[in-house]
C-alpha atoms as a PDB file:
ATOM      1  CA  UNK A   1      98.996 127.498  37.845  1.00  0.00           C
ATOM      2  CA  UNK A   2      95.486 127.227  39.260  1.00  0.00           C
ATOM      3  CA  UNK A   3      96.204 123.722  40.578  1.00  0.00           C
ATOM      4  CA  UNK A   4      99.428 124.927  42.201  1.00  0.00           C
ATOM      5  CA  UNK A   5      97.604 127.804  43.888  1.00  0.00           C
ATOM      6  CA  UNK A   6      94.950 125.424  45.204  1.00  0.00           C
ATOM      7  CA  UNK A   7      97.624 123.058  46.537  1.00  0.00           C
ATOM      8  CA  UNK A   8      99.274 125.941  48.415  1.00  0.00           C
ATOM      9  CA  UNK A   9      95.934 126.840  50.012  1.00  0.00           C
ATOM     10  CA  UNK A  10      95.077 123.244  50.859  1.00  0.00           C
ATOM     11  CA  UNK A  11      98.525 122.403  52.249  1.00  0.00           C
ATOM     12  CA  UNK A  12      98.199 124.112  55.660  1.00  0.00           C
ATOM     13  CA  UNK A  13      94.667 122.755  56.086  1.00  0.00           C
ATOM     14  CA  UNK A  14      95.842 119.207  55.348  1.00  0.00           C
ATOM     15  CA  UNK A  15      98.710 119.520  57.818  1.00  0.00           C
ATOM     16  CA  UNK A  16      96.338 120.838  60.504  1.00  0.00           C
ATOM     17  CA  UNK A  17      93.840 118.066  59.760  1.00  0.00           C
ATOM     18  CA  UNK A  18      96.478 115.306  60.003  1.00  0.00           C
ATOM     19  CA  UNK A  19      97.826 116.807  63.231  1.00  0.00           C
ATOM     20  CA  UNK A  20      94.289 116.817  64.653  1.00  0.00           C
ATOM     21  CA  UNK A  21      93.885 113.133  63.727  1.00  0.00           C
ATOM     22  CA  UNK A  22      97.214 112.347  65.430  1.00  0.00           C
ATOM     23  CA  UNK A  23      96.019 114.036  68.644  1.00  0.00           C
ATOM     24  CA  UNK A  24      92.790 112.008  68.559  1.00  0.00           C
ATOM     25  CA  UNK A  25      94.786 108.812  68.068  1.00  0.00           C
ATOM     26  CA  UNK A  26      97.051 109.631  71.013  1.00  0.00           C
ATOM     27  CA  UNK A  27      93.975 110.190  73.184  1.00  0.00           C
ATOM     28  CA  UNK A  28      92.557 106.793  72.154  1.00  0.00           C
ATOM     29  CA  UNK A  29      95.860 105.020  72.847  1.00  0.00           C
ATOM     30  CA  UNK A  30      96.338 106.863  76.109  1.00  0.00           C
ATOM     31  CA  UNK A  31      93.329 105.250  77.807  1.00  0.00           C
ATOM     32  CA  UNK A  32      94.274 102.263  79.959  1.00  0.00           C
ATOM     33  CA  UNK A  33      93.210  98.774  78.943  1.00  0.00           C
ATOM     34  CA  UNK A  34      91.824  96.497  81.679  1.00  0.00           C
ATOM     35  CA  UNK A  35      94.240  94.034  83.244  1.00  0.00           C
ATOM     36  CA  UNK A  36      93.807  90.476  81.946  1.00  0.00           C
ATOM     37  CA  UNK A  37      95.829  87.228  81.919  1.00  0.00           C
ATOM     38  CA  UNK A  38      96.849  88.207  78.376  1.00  0.00           C
ATOM     39  CA  UNK A  39      98.848  91.207  79.550  1.00  0.00           C
ATOM     40  CA  UNK A  40     101.993  89.808  81.078  1.00  0.00           C
ATOM     41  CA  UNK A  41     105.700  89.821  80.343  1.00  0.00           C
ATOM     42  CA  UNK A  42     106.397  87.833  77.171  1.00  0.00           C
ATOM     43  CA  UNK A  43     109.122  85.176  77.213  1.00  0.00           C
ATOM     44  CA  UNK A  44     111.090  83.587  74.337  1.00  0.00           C
ATOM     45  CA  UNK A  45     108.854  80.521  73.768  1.00  0.00           C
ATOM     46  CA  UNK A  46     105.683  80.360  71.664  1.00  0.00           C
ATOM     47  CA  UNK A  47     102.555  78.242  71.359  1.00  0.00           C
ATOM     48  CA  UNK A  48     100.482  78.149  68.146  1.00  0.00           C
ATOM     49  CA  UNK A  49      96.876  77.079  67.534  1.00  0.00           C
ATOM     50  CA  UNK A  50      94.753  77.071  64.349  1.00  0.00           C
ATOM     51  CA  UNK A  51      91.036  77.592  63.738  1.00  0.00           C
ATOM     52  CA  UNK A  52      89.297  76.727  60.457  1.00  0.00           C
ATOM     53  CA  UNK A  53      86.095  78.458  59.314  1.00  0.00           C
ATOM     54  CA  UNK A  54      84.049  78.668  56.125  1.00  0.00           C
ATOM     55  CA  UNK A  55      83.891  82.158  54.623  1.00  0.00           C
ATOM     56  CA  UNK A  56      80.328  81.818  53.246  1.00  0.00           C
ATOM     57  CA  UNK A  57      78.506  81.865  56.656  1.00  0.00           C
ATOM     58  CA  UNK A  58      80.599  84.843  57.743  1.00  0.00           C
ATOM     59  CA  UNK A  59      79.674  86.735  54.572  1.00  0.00           C
ATOM     60  CA  UNK A  60      76.017  85.838  55.192  1.00  0.00           C
ATOM     61  CA  UNK A  61      76.274  87.189  58.753  1.00  0.00           C
ATOM     62  CA  UNK A  62      77.874  90.333  57.350  1.00  0.00           C
ATOM     63  CA  UNK A  63      74.933  90.942  55.005  1.00  0.00           C
ATOM     64  CA  UNK A  64      72.277  90.015  57.572  1.00  0.00           C
ATOM     65  CA  UNK A  65      73.703  92.155  60.372  1.00  0.00           C
ATOM     66  CA  UNK A  66      74.762  95.087  58.179  1.00  0.00           C
ATOM     67  CA  UNK A  67      78.457  94.821  59.007  1.00  0.00           C
ATOM     68  CA  UNK A  68      81.730  93.912  57.300  1.00  0.00           C
ATOM     69  CA  UNK A  69      83.641  90.637  57.240  1.00  0.00           C
ATOM     70  CA  UNK A  70      86.223  92.215  59.526  1.00  0.00           C
ATOM     71  CA  UNK A  71      83.487  93.226  62.013  1.00  0.00           C
ATOM     72  CA  UNK A  72      82.213  89.627  62.120  1.00  0.00           C
ATOM     73  CA  UNK A  73      85.749  88.296  62.580  1.00  0.00           C
ATOM     74  CA  UNK A  74      86.389  90.713  65.460  1.00  0.00           C
ATOM     75  CA  UNK A  75      83.078  89.702  67.047  1.00  0.00           C
ATOM     76  CA  UNK A  76      84.125  86.058  66.761  1.00  0.00           C
ATOM     77  CA  UNK A  77      87.404  86.838  68.527  1.00  0.00           C
ATOM     78  CA  UNK A  78      85.515  88.784  71.230  1.00  0.00           C
ATOM     79  CA  UNK A  79      83.275  85.763  71.831  1.00  0.00           C
ATOM     80  CA  UNK A  80      86.331  83.511  71.962  1.00  0.00           C
ATOM     81  CA  UNK A  81      87.945  85.771  74.553  1.00  0.00           C
ATOM     82  CA  UNK A  82      84.764  85.611  76.643  1.00  0.00           C
ATOM     83  CA  UNK A  83      84.935  81.786  76.596  1.00  0.00           C
ATOM     84  CA  UNK A  84      88.676  81.850  77.420  1.00  0.00           C
ATOM     85  CA  UNK A  85      88.329  84.225  80.375  1.00  0.00           C
ATOM     86  CA  UNK A  86      85.291  82.403  81.779  1.00  0.00           C
ATOM     87  CA  UNK A  87      87.288  79.156  81.700  1.00  0.00           C
ATOM     88  CA  UNK A  88      89.863  80.864  83.917  1.00  0.00           C
ATOM     89  CA  UNK A  89      87.217  82.096  86.361  1.00  0.00           C
ATOM     90  CA  UNK A  90      87.606  85.745  85.311  1.00  0.00           C
ATOM     91  CA  UNK A  91      84.667  88.172  85.515  1.00  0.00           C
ATOM     92  CA  UNK A  92      83.433  89.074  82.032  1.00  0.00           C
ATOM     93  CA  UNK A  93      80.163  90.957  82.610  1.00  0.00           C
ATOM     94  CA  UNK A  94      80.503  94.445  81.164  1.00  0.00           C
ATOM     95  CA  UNK A  95      84.116  93.776  80.166  1.00  0.00           C
ATOM     96  CA  UNK A  96      85.590  95.559  77.134  1.00  0.00           C
ATOM     97  CA  UNK A  97      89.058  94.667  75.895  1.00  0.00           C
ATOM     98  CA  UNK A  98      91.226  96.802  73.628  1.00  0.00           C
ATOM     99  CA  UNK A  99      92.511  95.294  70.392  1.00  0.00           C
ATOM    100  CA  UNK A 100      95.157  96.762  68.124  1.00  0.00           C
ATOM    101  CA  UNK A 101      93.971  96.184  64.550  1.00  0.00           C
ATOM    102  CA  UNK A 102      96.337  96.943  61.627  1.00  0.00           C
ATOM    103  CA  UNK A 103      94.635  98.585  58.627  1.00  0.00           C
ATOM    104  CA  UNK A 104      95.764  99.688  55.185  1.00  0.00           C
ATOM    105  CA  UNK A 105      95.982 103.458  54.616  1.00  0.00           C
ATOM    106  CA  UNK A 106      96.730 103.150  50.904  1.00  0.00           C
ATOM    107  CA  UNK A 107      94.396 105.401  48.892  1.00  0.00           C
ATOM    108  CA  UNK A 108      93.055 104.778  45.376  1.00  0.00           C
ATOM    109  CA  UNK A 109      95.936 106.665  43.769  1.00  0.00           C
ATOM    110  CA  UNK A 110      98.394 104.137  45.257  1.00  0.00           C
ATOM    111  CA  UNK A 111      96.693 100.962  44.065  1.00  0.00           C
ATOM    112  CA  UNK A 112      99.056  98.321  42.610  1.00  0.00           C
ATOM    113  CA  UNK A 113     102.055 100.215  44.052  1.00  0.00           C
ATOM    114  CA  UNK A 114     104.815  98.110  45.594  1.00  0.00           C
ATOM    115  CA  UNK A 115     105.334  97.884  49.348  1.00  0.00           C
ATOM    116  CA  UNK A 116     102.979  98.048  52.325  1.00  0.00           C
ATOM    117  CA  UNK A 117     101.289 101.163  53.655  1.00  0.00           C
ATOM    118  CA  UNK A 118      99.829 100.039  56.951  1.00  0.00           C
ATOM    119  CA  UNK A 119      98.714 101.817  60.098  1.00  0.00           C
ATOM    120  CA  UNK A 120      96.419 100.684  62.907  1.00  0.00           C
ATOM    121  CA  UNK A 121      93.388 101.496  65.018  1.00  0.00           C
ATOM    122  CA  UNK A 122      92.279 100.670  68.532  1.00  0.00           C
ATOM    123  CA  UNK A 123      89.018  98.699  68.599  1.00  0.00           C
ATOM    124  CA  UNK A 124      87.031  97.946  71.756  1.00  0.00           C
ATOM    125  CA  UNK A 125      85.975  94.291  71.865  1.00  0.00           C
ATOM    126  CA  UNK A 126      82.642  93.904  73.753  1.00  0.00           C
ATOM    127  CA  UNK A 127      83.608  90.708  75.570  1.00  0.00           C
ATOM    128  CA  UNK A 128      80.940  91.408  78.206  1.00  0.00           C
ATOM    129  CA  UNK A 129      78.110  91.255  75.642  1.00  0.00           C
ATOM    130  CA  UNK A 130      76.584  87.781  75.641  1.00  0.00           C
ATOM    131  CA  UNK A 131      74.475  88.045  72.455  1.00  0.00           C
ATOM    132  CA  UNK A 132      76.639  87.397  69.340  1.00  0.00           C
ATOM    133  CA  UNK A 133      74.548  89.651  67.052  1.00  0.00           C
ATOM    134  CA  UNK A 134      74.847  92.531  69.523  1.00  0.00           C
ATOM    135  CA  UNK A 135      78.621  92.062  69.554  1.00  0.00           C
ATOM    136  CA  UNK A 136      78.746  92.422  65.766  1.00  0.00           C
ATOM    137  CA  UNK A 137      76.533  95.510  65.793  1.00  0.00           C
ATOM    138  CA  UNK A 138      78.557  97.160  68.568  1.00  0.00           C
ATOM    139  CA  UNK A 139      81.817  96.563  66.708  1.00  0.00           C
ATOM    140  CA  UNK A 140      80.322  97.645  63.377  1.00  0.00           C
ATOM    141  CA  UNK A 141      79.134 100.973  64.805  1.00  0.00           C
ATOM    142  CA  UNK A 142      82.554 101.545  66.314  1.00  0.00           C
ATOM    143  CA  UNK A 143      84.616 100.704  63.213  1.00  0.00           C
ATOM    144  CA  UNK A 144      82.375 102.928  61.105  1.00  0.00           C
ATOM    145  CA  UNK A 145      83.067 105.767  63.526  1.00  0.00           C
ATOM    146  CA  UNK A 146      86.808 105.063  63.367  1.00  0.00           C
ATOM    147  CA  UNK A 147      86.697 105.282  59.571  1.00  0.00           C
ATOM    148  CA  UNK A 148      84.866 108.602  59.735  1.00  0.00           C
ATOM    149  CA  UNK A 149      87.346 110.074  62.232  1.00  0.00           C
ATOM    150  CA  UNK A 150      90.299 108.574  60.303  1.00  0.00           C
ATOM    151  CA  UNK A 151      92.120 107.315  63.392  1.00  0.00           C
ATOM    152  CA  UNK A 152      94.355 105.190  61.146  1.00  0.00           C
ATOM    153  CA  UNK A 153      95.605 108.351  59.425  1.00  0.00           C
ATOM    154  CA  UNK A 154      96.507 109.779  62.816  1.00  0.00           C
ATOM    155  CA  UNK A 155      98.427 106.634  63.708  1.00  0.00           C
ATOM    156  CA  UNK A 156     100.290 106.874  60.403  1.00  0.00           C
ATOM    157  CA  UNK A 157     101.327 110.438  61.278  1.00  0.00           C
ATOM    158  CA  UNK A 158     102.619 109.293  64.671  1.00  0.00           C
ATOM    159  CA  UNK A 159     104.556 106.464  63.016  1.00  0.00           C
ATOM    160  CA  UNK A 160     106.075 108.934  60.565  1.00  0.00           C
ATOM    161  CA  UNK A 161     107.441 110.975  63.465  1.00  0.00           C
ATOM    162  CA  UNK A 162     109.815 108.074  64.101  1.00  0.00           C
ATOM    163  CA  UNK A 163     111.851 109.255  61.125  1.00  0.00           C
ATOM    164  CA  UNK A 164     112.848 112.311  63.161  1.00  0.00           C
ATOM    165  CA  UNK A 165     113.343 110.677  66.559  1.00  0.00           C
ATOM    166  CA  UNK A 166     116.895 110.217  67.907  1.00  0.00           C
ATOM    167  CA  UNK A 167     118.193 106.717  68.593  1.00  0.00           C
ATOM    168  CA  UNK A 168     118.202 107.330  72.359  1.00  0.00           C
ATOM    169  CA  UNK A 169     114.465 108.037  72.314  1.00  0.00           C
ATOM    170  CA  UNK A 170     113.856 104.833  70.355  1.00  0.00           C
ATOM    171  CA  UNK A 171     115.851 102.876  72.923  1.00  0.00           C
ATOM    172  CA  UNK A 172     113.826 104.289  75.819  1.00  0.00           C
ATOM    173  CA  UNK A 173     110.549 103.592  74.028  1.00  0.00           C
ATOM    174  CA  UNK A 174     111.586  99.970  73.384  1.00  0.00           C
ATOM    175  CA  UNK A 175     112.350  99.485  77.090  1.00  0.00           C
ATOM    176  CA  UNK A 176     108.924 100.836  78.037  1.00  0.00           C
ATOM    177  CA  UNK A 177     106.994  98.538  75.664  1.00  0.00           C
ATOM    178  CA  UNK A 178     106.695  95.618  78.153  1.00  0.00           C
ATOM    179  CA  UNK A 179     104.868  98.012  80.494  1.00  0.00           C
ATOM    180  CA  UNK A 180     102.348  99.254  77.909  1.00  0.00           C
ATOM    181  CA  UNK A 181      98.747  99.344  79.178  1.00  0.00           C
ATOM    182  CA  UNK A 182      96.929 100.457  76.014  1.00  0.00           C
ATOM    183  CA  UNK A 183      96.470  97.079  74.291  1.00  0.00           C
ATOM    184  CA  UNK A 184      95.086  93.735  75.471  1.00  0.00           C
ATOM    185  CA  UNK A 185      95.444  91.781  72.223  1.00  0.00           C
ATOM    186  CA  UNK A 186      96.437  92.174  68.583  1.00  0.00           C
ATOM    187  CA  UNK A 187      94.008  91.076  65.841  1.00  0.00           C
ATOM    188  CA  UNK A 188      94.791  91.281  62.123  1.00  0.00           C
ATOM    189  CA  UNK A 189      92.646  90.130  59.191  1.00  0.00           C
ATOM    190  CA  UNK A 190      94.163  89.946  55.701  1.00  0.00           C
ATOM    191  CA  UNK A 191      92.141  89.077  52.558  1.00  0.00           C
ATOM    192  CA  UNK A 192      93.847  86.389  50.505  1.00  0.00           C
ATOM    193  CA  UNK A 193      93.220  84.852  47.072  1.00  0.00           C
ATOM    194  CA  UNK A 194      89.791  83.280  46.603  1.00  0.00           C
ATOM    195  CA  UNK A 195      90.950  80.848  43.929  1.00  0.00           C
ATOM    196  CA  UNK A 196      93.095  77.761  44.636  1.00  0.00           C
ATOM    197  CA  UNK A 197      96.858  78.092  44.308  1.00  0.00           C
ATOM    198  CA  UNK A 198      99.219  75.397  43.042  1.00  0.00           C
ATOM    199  CA  UNK A 199     102.902  74.585  43.419  1.00  0.00           C
ATOM    200  CA  UNK A 200     104.389  72.158  40.863  1.00  0.00           C
ATOM    201  CA  UNK A 201     100.900  70.771  40.229  1.00  0.00           C
ATOM    202  CA  UNK A 202     100.050  70.257  43.910  1.00  0.00           C
ATOM    203  CA  UNK A 203      97.052  72.198  45.202  1.00  0.00           C
ATOM    204  CA  UNK A 204      97.491  74.268  48.362  1.00  0.00           C
ATOM    205  CA  UNK A 205      94.703  73.071  50.635  1.00  0.00           C
ATOM    206  CA  UNK A 206      94.855  75.544  53.535  1.00  0.00           C
ATOM    207  CA  UNK A 207      96.618  78.744  54.542  1.00  0.00           C
ATOM    208  CA  UNK A 208      97.244  79.972  58.085  1.00  0.00           C
ATOM    209  CA  UNK A 209      99.010  83.186  59.086  1.00  0.00           C
ATOM    210  CA  UNK A 210     101.566  83.662  61.835  1.00  0.00           C
ATOM    211  CA  UNK A 211     102.115  86.957  63.678  1.00  0.00           C
ATOM    212  CA  UNK A 212     104.388  87.037  66.700  1.00  0.00           C
ATOM    213  CA  UNK A 213     103.263  88.133  70.157  1.00  0.00           C
ATOM    214  CA  UNK A 214     104.631  91.486  71.286  1.00  0.00           C
ATOM    215  CA  UNK A 215     105.658  93.037  74.574  1.00  0.00           C
ATOM    216  CA  UNK A 216     102.807  93.277  77.076  1.00  0.00           C
ATOM    217  CA  UNK A 217     100.355  91.333  74.865  1.00  0.00           C
ATOM    218  CA  UNK A 218     100.911  87.589  75.130  1.00  0.00           C
ATOM    219  CA  UNK A 219      98.358  86.630  72.439  1.00  0.00           C
ATOM    220  CA  UNK A 220      97.933  87.749  68.820  1.00  0.00           C
ATOM    221  CA  UNK A 221      95.186  86.488  66.502  1.00  0.00           C
ATOM    222  CA  UNK A 222      95.871  86.638  62.751  1.00  0.00           C
ATOM    223  CA  UNK A 223      93.292  85.736  60.100  1.00  0.00           C
ATOM    224  CA  UNK A 224      93.797  84.973  56.396  1.00  0.00           C
ATOM    225  CA  UNK A 225      91.086  84.182  53.852  1.00  0.00           C
ATOM    226  CA  UNK A 226      91.860  81.657  51.095  1.00  0.00           C
ATOM    227  CA  UNK A 227      89.676  79.850  48.563  1.00  0.00           C
ATOM    228  CA  UNK A 228      86.373  80.258  50.436  1.00  0.00           C
ATOM    229  CA  UNK A 229      87.796  79.625  53.911  1.00  0.00           C
ATOM    230  CA  UNK A 230      89.235  81.556  56.834  1.00  0.00           C
ATOM    231  CA  UNK A 231      92.363  80.390  58.600  1.00  0.00           C
ATOM    232  CA  UNK A 232      92.927  81.733  62.127  1.00  0.00           C
ATOM    233  CA  UNK A 233      96.493  81.602  63.421  1.00  0.00           C
ATOM    234  CA  UNK A 234      96.737  82.124  67.193  1.00  0.00           C
ATOM    235  CA  UNK A 235     100.160  82.860  68.657  1.00  0.00           C
ATOM    236  CA  UNK A 236     100.715  82.944  72.407  1.00  0.00           C
ATOM    237  CA  UNK A 237     103.472  82.950  74.973  1.00  0.00           C
ATOM    238  CA  UNK A 238     104.064  79.270  75.741  1.00  0.00           C
ATOM    239  CA  UNK A 239     104.494  79.727  79.494  1.00  0.00           C
ATOM    240  CA  UNK A 240     101.960  82.494  80.182  1.00  0.00           C
ATOM    241  CA  UNK A 241      99.157  81.051  77.993  1.00  0.00           C
ATOM    242  CA  UNK A 242      99.367  77.243  78.233  1.00  0.00           C
ATOM    243  CA  UNK A 243      95.611  77.065  77.521  1.00  0.00           C
ATOM    244  CA  UNK A 244      95.725  78.824  74.135  1.00  0.00           C
ATOM    245  CA  UNK A 245      93.667  75.928  72.763  1.00  0.00           C
ATOM    246  CA  UNK A 246      90.748  77.090  74.944  1.00  0.00           C
ATOM    247  CA  UNK A 247      90.771  80.425  73.105  1.00  0.00           C
ATOM    248  CA  UNK A 248      90.816  78.601  69.753  1.00  0.00           C
ATOM    249  CA  UNK A 249      87.858  76.486  70.884  1.00  0.00           C
ATOM    250  CA  UNK A 250      86.059  79.637  72.035  1.00  0.00           C
ATOM    251  CA  UNK A 251      86.498  81.320  68.638  1.00  0.00           C
ATOM    252  CA  UNK A 252      85.053  78.239  66.917  1.00  0.00           C
ATOM    253  CA  UNK A 253      82.026  78.296  69.232  1.00  0.00           C
ATOM    254  CA  UNK A 254      81.600  82.050  68.822  1.00  0.00           C
ATOM    255  CA  UNK A 255      81.580  81.801  65.009  1.00  0.00           C
ATOM    256  CA  UNK A 256      79.020  78.972  65.205  1.00  0.00           C
ATOM    257  CA  UNK A 257      76.805  81.173  67.426  1.00  0.00           C
ATOM    258  CA  UNK A 258      77.090  84.011  64.921  1.00  0.00           C
ATOM    259  CA  UNK A 259      76.064  81.664  62.110  1.00  0.00           C
ATOM    260  CA  UNK A 260      72.960  80.637  64.078  1.00  0.00           C
ATOM    261  CA  UNK A 261      72.122  84.234  65.023  1.00  0.00           C
ATOM    262  CA  UNK A 262      72.184  85.352  61.378  1.00  0.00           C
ATOM    263  CA  UNK A 263      70.397  82.305  59.920  1.00  0.00           C
END
């Protein structure tokens, strides 16, 4: 009876808190992202590139710079974007791009439960920062703040509203997606098994993820860790981003710079 009474008291506060988080998330998504060559209409054809990286140096950079593996990965992508844009003659000084980063919102009580429980946050990538260690620290401070403000919870609330939206509203929203100006790029990092996997006695040597590009964002970077390595899977619109390999090369160089900066 006492627990029930407490739940009744907490209920309105929890609803108000989640609504507040949803408003904060809307405000973050409402700010316009800068225009870049990545933000164009997406056609039906795709181009794919892969980047290989050892996990050990990234974990060392994480410990040295006081960040997380995900922060280091995002900093590596930011450095790669700087290299990509410079190769196209774009101005990068002071530039900050907006990345949509999926995150899990599963709490401890839902561990080992079936199905995904995923939301997302908006992370500013400091492409204009030249120093790789400063990029990591800037991203780390930001992601820590996002965790404290629980922006992912707010995004989950907004996603849940879709259950009550009429089909006509969904149709209009889908038509508006190619004109979205909130996101420059999608970046997702998924931890995988750290022991080798086998199929009929044959060892799986590498693993690379694939995530499709979406309307208004012609490039998505997906990352999967496996057996002490990181596999980057870059997906781009084949016609709009013919130089996707330059971005892959830039991420490799950026990760090497981070390794040197944290040595």
